[in-house]
Each structure stands twice: as structure tokens, then as C-alpha cells.
Amino acid sequence: MVRPSALPPEEKVRIVLSILAGEMTVAEAARRAKVSERSIGTWKHQFPESGRAGLAGKSGPGTREQQLEARIADLTQALGEAAVELRVWKKSAEGRPGPPRTAR
């Protein structure tokens, strides 16, 4: 299980920018921040991706929201199809006699 970082996002950004500017190495940053070099590497990889998304100016719904909206659409369609099937079953059963009743 991954332990959440105790460093605030602003501190992570400062560290990553310092490394990218050549002001310190990954090892040095890890020692100063008391985190693993692997964590620093992860931040370095996440930073450009997040920055790219921010610069894209997308103000629409996020990925999770889009997934949920697609799921709602799928479920709504399935519900509609089930309702139609139920109507068909009821219509076909109208003219038929019910199941035979057994005497007890």
C-alpha cells in the first residue's frame, strides 16, 4: 500500500523545478525532502503531464466524470431495453391461459 506524501503539492513543484533548473540533483533533493529518489522521479514524470493538461485549458468534465456519464448512458439504454422486453412478454402472455392450478 502506498503511503501518501507528507509534502504539500507546492513543495513538490518547487523541488521538481529546482531539479529541472539544475539547481540540485535528484539524490540531493531526496535527501533534503526526506523522501526516496523514486518518489522524486515519480513527481518529475507527473509534473509535465499535469502541466500539459493545465495548459490545454480544458474546462469540461474530468475523465472520471466522463466515465460516469458514459456508464449512466449505458445503464439507461439497458433499462429501456429491459422495459421494452417486459412489455413484449406481457403482451405475449395476455392471450395465454395461466399456469394450471393444482388441488391441494
Protein backbone atom coordinates (compact mmCIF):
# COMPACT_ATOMS: atom_id res chain seq x y z
CA MET A 1 0.00 0.00 0.00
CA VAL A 2 1.30 3.43 -0.96
CA ARG A 3 1.68 5.93 1.86
CA PRO A 4 0.54 9.44 0.94
CA SER A 5 3.29 12.03 0.87
CA ALA A 6 3.53 14.42 3.77
CA LEU A 7 4.80 17.16 1.47
CA PRO A 8 2.29 19.65 0.11
CA PRO A 9 1.97 19.89 -3.68
CA GLU A 10 3.60 23.34 -3.71
CA GLU A 11 6.75 21.88 -2.14
CA LYS A 12 6.82 19.06 -4.69
CA VAL A 13 6.58 21.60 -7.51
CA ARG A 14 9.42 23.65 -6.01
CA ILE A 15 11.60 20.54 -5.76
CA VAL A 16 10.86 19.41 -9.31
CA LEU A 17 11.51 22.88 -10.71
CA SER A 18 14.82 23.05 -8.82
CA ILE A 19 15.88 19.73 -10.32
CA LEU A 20 14.80 20.75 -13.82
CA ALA A 21 16.69 24.03 -13.45
CA GLY A 22 19.82 22.11 -12.47
CA GLU A 23 19.98 23.66 -9.03
CA MET A 24 20.15 20.23 -7.36
CA THR A 25 20.27 16.55 -8.24
CA VAL A 26 17.52 14.01 -7.63
CA ALA A 27 19.60 12.40 -4.88
CA GLU A 28 20.19 15.73 -3.18
CA ALA A 29 16.51 16.66 -3.40
CA ALA A 30 15.50 13.30 -1.98
CA ARG A 31 17.86 13.72 0.98
CA ARG A 32 16.66 17.25 1.71
CA ALA A 33 12.96 16.35 1.44
CA LYS A 34 13.48 13.05 3.29
CA VAL A 35 11.79 11.02 0.55
CA SER A 36 13.01 8.34 -1.81
CA GLU A 37 14.64 9.12 -5.14
CA ARG A 38 11.89 7.04 -6.68
CA SER A 39 9.28 9.46 -5.28
CA ILE A 40 11.15 12.38 -6.80
CA GLY A 41 11.28 10.54 -10.12
CA THR A 42 7.53 9.97 -9.98
CA TRP A 43 6.94 13.65 -9.33
CA LYS A 44 9.17 14.56 -12.28
CA HIS A 45 7.10 12.33 -14.56
CA GLN A 46 3.76 13.57 -13.21
CA PHE A 47 4.66 17.24 -13.38
CA PRO A 48 4.80 17.68 -17.19
CA GLU A 49 1.63 15.65 -17.68
CA SER A 50 -0.33 17.77 -15.21
CA GLY A 51 1.17 20.93 -16.62
CA ARG A 52 0.22 19.87 -20.13
CA ALA A 53 -3.38 19.26 -19.04
CA GLY A 54 -3.49 22.62 -17.30
CA LEU A 55 -2.20 24.45 -20.36
CA ALA A 56 -4.70 22.70 -22.63
CA GLY A 57 -7.37 24.86 -21.00
CA LYS A 58 -9.91 22.10 -20.75
CA SER A 59 -12.73 23.40 -18.63
CA GLY A 60 -15.05 20.50 -19.38
CA PRO A 61 -15.73 17.45 -17.27
CA GLY A 62 -12.81 15.40 -15.99
CA THR A 63 -12.02 11.87 -17.06
CA ARG A 64 -13.82 10.27 -14.10
CA GLU A 65 -16.90 12.35 -14.75
CA GLN A 66 -16.86 11.33 -18.42
CA GLN A 67 -16.59 7.67 -17.43
CA LEU A 68 -19.55 8.01 -15.08
CA GLU A 69 -21.65 9.78 -17.71
CA ALA A 70 -20.88 7.01 -20.21
CA ARG A 71 -21.85 4.41 -17.60
CA ILE A 72 -25.14 6.24 -16.93
CA ALA A 73 -25.88 6.28 -20.65
CA ASP A 74 -25.18 2.52 -20.90
CA LEU A 75 -27.39 1.75 -17.90
CA THR A 76 -30.19 3.99 -19.18
CA GLN A 77 -30.13 2.18 -22.52
CA ALA A 78 -30.13 -1.24 -20.81
CA LEU A 79 -33.09 -0.17 -18.64
CA GLY A 80 -35.00 0.98 -21.72
CA GLU A 81 -34.33 -2.32 -23.48
CA ALA A 82 -35.46 -4.27 -20.40
CA ALA A 83 -38.68 -2.23 -20.25
CA VAL A 84 -39.41 -3.00 -23.90
CA GLU A 85 -38.73 -6.71 -23.33
CA LEU A 86 -41.07 -6.72 -20.35
CA ARG A 87 -43.85 -5.12 -22.42
CA VAL A 88 -43.37 -7.73 -25.14
CA TRP A 89 -43.52 -10.54 -22.58
CA LYS A 90 -46.69 -9.12 -21.04
CA LYS A 91 -48.35 -8.71 -24.44
CA SER A 92 -47.50 -12.27 -25.44
CA ALA A 93 -48.84 -13.58 -22.12
CA GLU A 94 -52.22 -11.77 -22.39
CA GLY A 95 -53.83 -14.34 -24.68
CA ARG A 96 -52.48 -17.41 -22.94
CA PRO A 97 -54.17 -19.17 -20.12
CA GLY A 98 -52.39 -19.06 -16.81
CA PRO A 99 -50.50 -21.99 -15.35
CA PRO A 100 -52.70 -24.88 -14.27
CA ARG A 101 -53.68 -24.79 -10.62
CA THR A 102 -53.10 -27.92 -8.67
CA ALA A 103 -55.50 -29.05 -5.99
CA ARG A 104 -54.11 -29.35 -2.55
